[in-house]
Amino acid sequence: MAFTRATGKHRAPSRMTCRGAKAVGIATLATAGVIGSLASPALAADTEAPAAGDTGLSQIIAIEGGLAARIEAQADAQRHQAAEAKAEAEAKAKARKKAEAKKKAEAAARAEEARESRARAARSAERARLGTFRLPVAGSYVSTGYESSGSLWSSGSHSGIDFHAASGTPVVAVGGGTVVEAGWGGAYGNNIVLRMSDGTYTQYGHLSSIDVSVGQSVDVGHRIGLSGATGNATGPHLHFEARTTPSYGSDMDPVAYLRAHGVSV
């Protein structure tokens, strides 16, 4: 009776299948750590794990670490640039404010200088106006001097000076001032007293007429009346006095007074 080879599931595995099964089993044992204890030294050496530096994981870690360092460096550079830009902007703003403040201060200084210049000019003009004096009778001369003695004067001497003037000759203010007296003055006849702008007083006597009133302001050369011979007078002329007060008895040298104000007498 002849025998035939069994087929189907009872068929014996081939040599290659057996070899593959053995390899799988060895790999399984190696994974479990069993073969390590049974293998020969040569086999154990052949199955050692690769060095850490040769693995893909370490390369990934190294790449990620380098990338993080570059990102951090870029962030630091950006922060540094932002800080520099902010500092530069603040410095420019501070410089701009300082320049604006300086410009305003210079403008204010120029304005103040201009105001002071105008004030000086005004004061100079006022001093010139106040310092401009003239003779009370144009083109006249002194016919009787100051403190001349004689019986014609109750005090025994002349308290002013007389200017030669025909009756009706215009009499003007020798300087700018205010009228404090205008009317009859006894021995002075019709007389006017002015308070001058420098605080002194001048008096004009023996007038034939008066053209101003008390409280009126007059400038240098303003006509205040006409010469005459009213009061205690021997003939037409102008009696002129310079005083420290508006009253009789406070007289000072009229010639020296006029010369001190630039008038040739």
Protein backbone atom coordinates (compact mmCIF):
# COMPACT_ATOMS: atom_id res chain seq x y z
CA MET A 1 0.00 0.00 0.00
CA ALA A 2 1.49 3.23 -0.98
CA PHE A 3 1.69 6.26 1.29
CA THR A 4 1.11 9.86 0.15
CA ARG A 5 2.30 13.19 1.77
CA ALA A 6 -0.19 14.73 4.13
CA THR A 7 -1.68 18.00 2.92
CA GLY A 8 -3.62 20.85 4.44
CA LYS A 9 -3.06 21.83 8.00
CA HIS A 10 -1.02 18.79 8.72
CA ARG A 11 1.59 19.69 6.16
CA ALA A 12 5.00 20.12 7.77
CA PRO A 13 6.46 23.60 7.60
CA SER A 14 9.24 24.27 5.18
CA ARG A 15 12.82 24.91 6.22
CA MET A 16 12.48 28.61 5.40
CA THR A 17 9.37 28.87 7.50
CA CYS A 18 11.15 27.27 10.38
CA ARG A 19 14.03 29.64 10.03
CA GLY A 20 11.69 32.64 10.04
CA ALA A 21 9.92 31.33 13.10
CA LYS A 22 13.20 30.92 14.88
CA ALA A 23 14.20 34.49 14.03
CA VAL A 24 10.93 35.85 15.35
CA GLY A 25 11.35 33.89 18.51
CA ILE A 26 14.87 35.12 19.03
CA ALA A 27 13.72 38.72 18.49
CA THR A 28 10.96 38.20 21.03
CA LEU A 29 13.36 36.79 23.58
CA ALA A 30 15.78 39.59 22.94
CA THR A 31 13.05 42.12 23.54
CA ALA A 32 12.15 40.45 26.79
CA GLY A 33 15.77 40.49 27.92
CA VAL A 34 16.02 36.71 28.08
CA ILE A 35 18.46 36.08 25.29
CA GLY A 36 20.92 38.48 26.81
CA SER A 37 21.57 36.05 29.61
CA LEU A 38 21.86 33.00 27.37
CA ALA A 39 23.78 34.41 24.45
CA SER A 40 27.46 34.05 24.06
CA PRO A 41 29.72 37.05 24.49
CA ALA A 42 30.03 37.43 20.77
CA LEU A 43 26.28 37.46 20.32
CA ALA A 44 25.83 39.90 23.16
CA ALA A 45 28.36 42.23 21.56
CA ASP A 46 26.54 42.08 18.28
CA THR A 47 23.24 43.06 19.89
CA GLU A 48 24.41 46.15 21.95
CA ALA A 49 22.18 49.29 21.67
CA PRO A 50 23.50 52.15 19.47
CA ALA A 51 25.12 55.18 21.16
CA ALA A 52 22.85 58.02 22.26
CA GLY A 53 24.47 60.46 19.87
CA ASP A 54 23.55 58.21 16.93
CA THR A 55 19.81 58.27 17.62
CA GLY A 56 17.29 60.46 15.77
CA LEU A 57 15.81 61.70 19.07
CA SER A 58 19.01 63.39 20.15
CA GLN A 59 19.26 65.10 16.77
CA ILE A 60 15.71 66.40 17.10
CA ILE A 61 16.46 67.70 20.61
CA ALA A 62 19.61 69.42 19.37
CA ILE A 63 17.73 71.03 16.44
CA GLU A 64 14.93 72.20 18.71
CA GLY A 65 17.43 73.61 21.23
CA GLY A 66 19.26 75.57 18.54
CA LEU A 67 16.00 76.90 17.12
CA ALA A 68 14.85 78.03 20.58
CA ALA A 69 18.17 79.79 21.12
CA ARG A 70 17.87 81.60 17.79
CA ILE A 71 14.28 82.63 18.56
CA GLU A 72 15.31 83.93 21.98
CA ALA A 73 18.23 85.81 20.43
CA GLN A 74 15.89 87.37 17.87
CA ALA A 75 13.45 88.31 20.63
CA ASP A 76 16.28 89.88 22.63
CA ALA A 77 17.39 91.82 19.54
CA GLN A 78 13.84 93.01 18.91
CA ARG A 79 13.44 94.08 22.54
CA HIS A 80 16.77 95.90 22.36
CA GLN A 81 15.74 97.65 19.14
CA ALA A 82 12.39 98.60 20.65
CA ALA A 83 14.12 100.00 23.74
CA GLU A 84 16.55 101.97 21.56
CA ALA A 85 13.68 103.29 19.42
CA LYS A 86 11.75 104.33 22.53
CA ALA A 87 14.80 106.03 24.04
CA GLU A 88 15.47 107.83 20.74
CA ALA A 89 11.84 108.97 20.50
CA GLU A 90 11.92 110.22 24.10
CA ALA A 91 15.21 112.02 23.46
CA LYS A 92 13.78 113.68 20.32
CA ALA A 93 10.62 114.69 22.20
CA LYS A 94 12.71 116.13 25.02
CA ALA A 95 14.93 118.00 22.57
CA ARG A 96 11.85 119.33 20.74
CA LYS A 97 10.29 120.56 24.00
CA LYS A 98 13.57 122.15 25.01
CA ALA A 99 13.87 123.87 21.63
CA GLU A 100 10.27 125.10 21.86
CA ALA A 101 10.85 126.39 25.40
CA LYS A 102 14.03 128.15 24.25
CA LYS A 103 12.18 129.65 21.30
CA LYS A 104 9.39 130.92 23.56
CA ALA A 105 11.93 132.33 26.03
CA GLU A 106 13.78 134.11 23.23
CA ALA A 107 10.51 135.50 21.86
CA ALA A 108 9.53 136.69 25.34
CA ALA A 109 12.97 138.26 25.79
CA ARG A 110 12.66 140.05 22.44
CA ALA A 111 9.18 141.27 23.34
CA GLU A 112 10.41 142.50 26.73
CA GLU A 113 13.38 144.19 25.09
CA ALA A 114 11.05 145.87 22.61
CA ARG A 115 8.77 147.06 25.43
CA GLU A 116 11.74 148.36 27.37
CA SER A 117 13.04 150.09 24.26
CA ARG A 118 9.69 151.79 23.72
CA ALA A 119 9.56 152.76 27.39
CA ARG A 120 13.07 154.24 27.19
CA ALA A 121 12.13 156.16 24.08
CA ALA A 122 8.99 157.45 25.77
CA ARG A 123 10.95 158.47 28.87
CA SER A 124 13.56 160.14 26.72
CA ALA A 125 10.90 162.01 24.79
CA GLU A 126 9.23 163.06 28.03
CA ARG A 127 12.53 164.22 29.50
CA ALA A 128 13.22 166.14 26.32
CA ARG A 129 9.76 167.70 26.46
CA LEU A 130 10.07 168.56 30.13
CA GLY A 131 13.67 169.69 29.75
CA THR A 132 12.87 172.04 26.90
CA PHE A 133 12.51 175.51 28.33
CA ARG A 134 12.44 178.90 26.67
CA LEU A 135 12.26 182.58 27.52
CA PRO A 136 8.85 183.82 28.70
CA VAL A 137 9.07 186.72 26.23
CA ALA A 138 10.64 185.90 22.89
CA GLY A 139 13.77 187.91 22.02
CA SER A 140 13.67 189.87 25.30
CA TYR A 141 16.37 190.61 27.86
CA VAL A 142 16.61 191.16 31.61
CA SER A 143 16.03 194.81 32.46
CA THR A 144 16.18 194.40 36.28
CA GLY A 145 18.19 191.67 37.95
CA TYR A 146 17.45 189.28 40.80
CA GLU A 147 17.79 190.68 44.34
CA SER A 148 18.27 194.21 43.13
CA SER A 149 17.77 196.59 46.07
CA GLY A 150 15.50 199.63 46.27
CA SER A 151 12.39 201.15 47.80
CA LEU A 152 10.24 199.84 45.00
CA TRP A 153 10.04 196.45 46.69
CA SER A 154 8.48 195.91 50.09
CA SER A 155 11.10 193.34 51.06
CA GLY A 156 13.91 195.73 50.11
CA SER A 157 15.08 193.60 47.18
CA HIS A 158 13.79 192.23 43.93
CA SER A 159 12.37 188.67 44.30
CA GLY A 160 12.57 187.96 40.56
CA ILE A 161 13.75 189.44 37.32
CA ASP A 162 12.07 191.85 34.89
CA PHE A 163 11.99 191.16 31.16
CA HIS A 164 11.69 194.11 28.81
CA ALA A 165 8.29 193.90 27.06
CA ALA A 166 5.93 196.46 25.55
CA SER A 167 2.35 196.31 26.70
CA GLY A 168 0.43 193.52 24.98
CA THR A 169 3.49 191.38 24.21
CA PRO A 170 2.68 187.65 24.32
CA VAL A 171 3.88 185.90 27.46
CA VAL A 172 4.40 182.12 27.27
CA ALA A 173 5.05 179.30 29.71
CA VAL A 174 8.78 178.70 30.02
CA GLY A 175 8.11 174.93 30.31
CA GLY A 176 5.33 172.39 30.63
CA GLY A 177 3.18 172.58 33.74
CA THR A 178 -0.21 173.19 35.35
CA VAL A 179 -1.83 176.48 36.27
CA VAL A 180 -2.22 176.77 40.06
CA GLU A 181 -3.02 180.49 40.21
CA ALA A 182 -4.49 182.87 37.65
CA GLY A 183 -5.85 186.27 38.73
CA TRP A 184 -5.13 189.38 40.76
CA GLY A 185 -2.00 189.12 42.87
CA GLY A 186 -1.81 192.42 44.75
CA ALA A 187 1.50 194.16 44.01
CA TYR A 188 1.99 191.70 41.13
CA GLY A 189 -1.22 192.90 39.46
CA ASN A 190 -2.64 190.25 37.15
CA ASN A 191 -0.41 187.24 37.70
CA ILE A 192 -0.13 183.52 36.89
CA VAL A 193 1.66 180.80 38.85
CA LEU A 194 2.53 177.47 37.18
CA ARG A 195 3.56 174.24 38.82
CA MET A 196 6.23 172.96 36.48
CA SER A 197 6.58 169.29 35.52
CA ASP A 198 9.79 169.01 37.56
CA GLY A 199 7.98 170.13 40.74
CA THR A 200 9.22 173.72 40.77
CA TYR A 201 7.05 176.82 40.26
CA THR A 202 7.22 179.87 38.00
CA GLN A 203 5.36 183.18 38.40
CA TYR A 204 4.43 185.81 35.77
CA GLY A 205 3.34 189.29 36.99
CA HIS A 206 1.99 192.68 35.86
CA LEU A 207 0.02 191.13 32.97
CA SER A 208 -2.49 193.14 31.03
CA SER A 209 -4.58 190.03 30.37
CA ILE A 210 -4.73 186.36 31.40
CA ASP A 211 -5.45 183.62 28.85
CA VAL A 212 -5.49 180.49 31.11
CA SER A 213 -7.41 179.22 34.13
CA VAL A 214 -6.55 177.26 37.27
CA GLY A 215 -6.15 173.52 36.66
CA GLN A 216 -5.29 173.94 32.99
CA SER A 217 -2.24 172.08 31.63
CA VAL A 218 0.16 173.96 29.39
CA ASP A 219 3.14 172.96 27.28
CA VAL A 220 6.36 174.88 26.78
CA GLY A 221 5.69 177.97 24.65
CA HIS A 222 1.95 177.98 25.36
CA ARG A 223 0.68 181.59 25.47
CA ILE A 224 -0.69 182.30 28.94
CA GLY A 225 -1.27 186.07 28.76
CA LEU A 226 -0.09 189.50 27.61
CA SER A 227 2.45 191.76 29.27
CA GLY A 228 1.36 195.01 30.93
CA ALA A 229 1.85 197.32 33.92
CA THR A 230 -0.82 196.20 36.39
CA GLY A 231 -0.10 196.21 40.12
CA ASN A 232 3.01 197.89 41.53
CA ALA A 233 4.81 198.77 38.30
CA THR A 234 6.41 201.89 36.86
CA GLY A 235 5.90 200.79 33.26
CA PRO A 236 5.04 197.79 31.10
CA HIS A 237 7.29 194.75 31.56
CA LEU A 238 7.08 191.12 32.70
CA HIS A 239 8.04 190.22 36.24
CA PHE A 240 9.26 186.61 36.32
CA GLU A 241 10.03 184.46 39.38
CA ALA A 242 11.25 180.90 39.97
CA ARG A 243 10.04 179.36 43.24
CA THR A 244 10.22 176.17 45.28
CA THR A 245 6.57 176.60 46.35
CA PRO A 246 3.65 178.56 44.84
CA SER A 247 3.91 181.21 47.55
CA TYR A 248 5.83 184.44 47.78
CA GLY A 249 9.08 184.17 49.74
CA SER A 250 10.23 180.81 48.27
CA ASP A 251 12.01 182.44 45.35
CA MET A 252 15.31 181.29 43.82
CA ASP A 253 17.58 182.87 41.22
CA PRO A 254 15.51 182.93 37.99
CA VAL A 255 18.54 183.31 35.73
CA ALA A 256 20.27 180.27 37.21
CA TYR A 257 16.97 178.39 37.01
CA LEU A 258 16.49 179.12 33.30
CA ARG A 259 20.12 178.37 32.48
CA ALA A 260 19.85 175.04 34.30
CA HIS A 261 17.05 174.20 31.87
CA GLY A 262 19.09 175.13 28.82
CA VAL A 263 17.89 178.69 28.29
CA SER A 264 20.39 181.40 27.39
CA VAL A 265 19.68 184.47 29.49
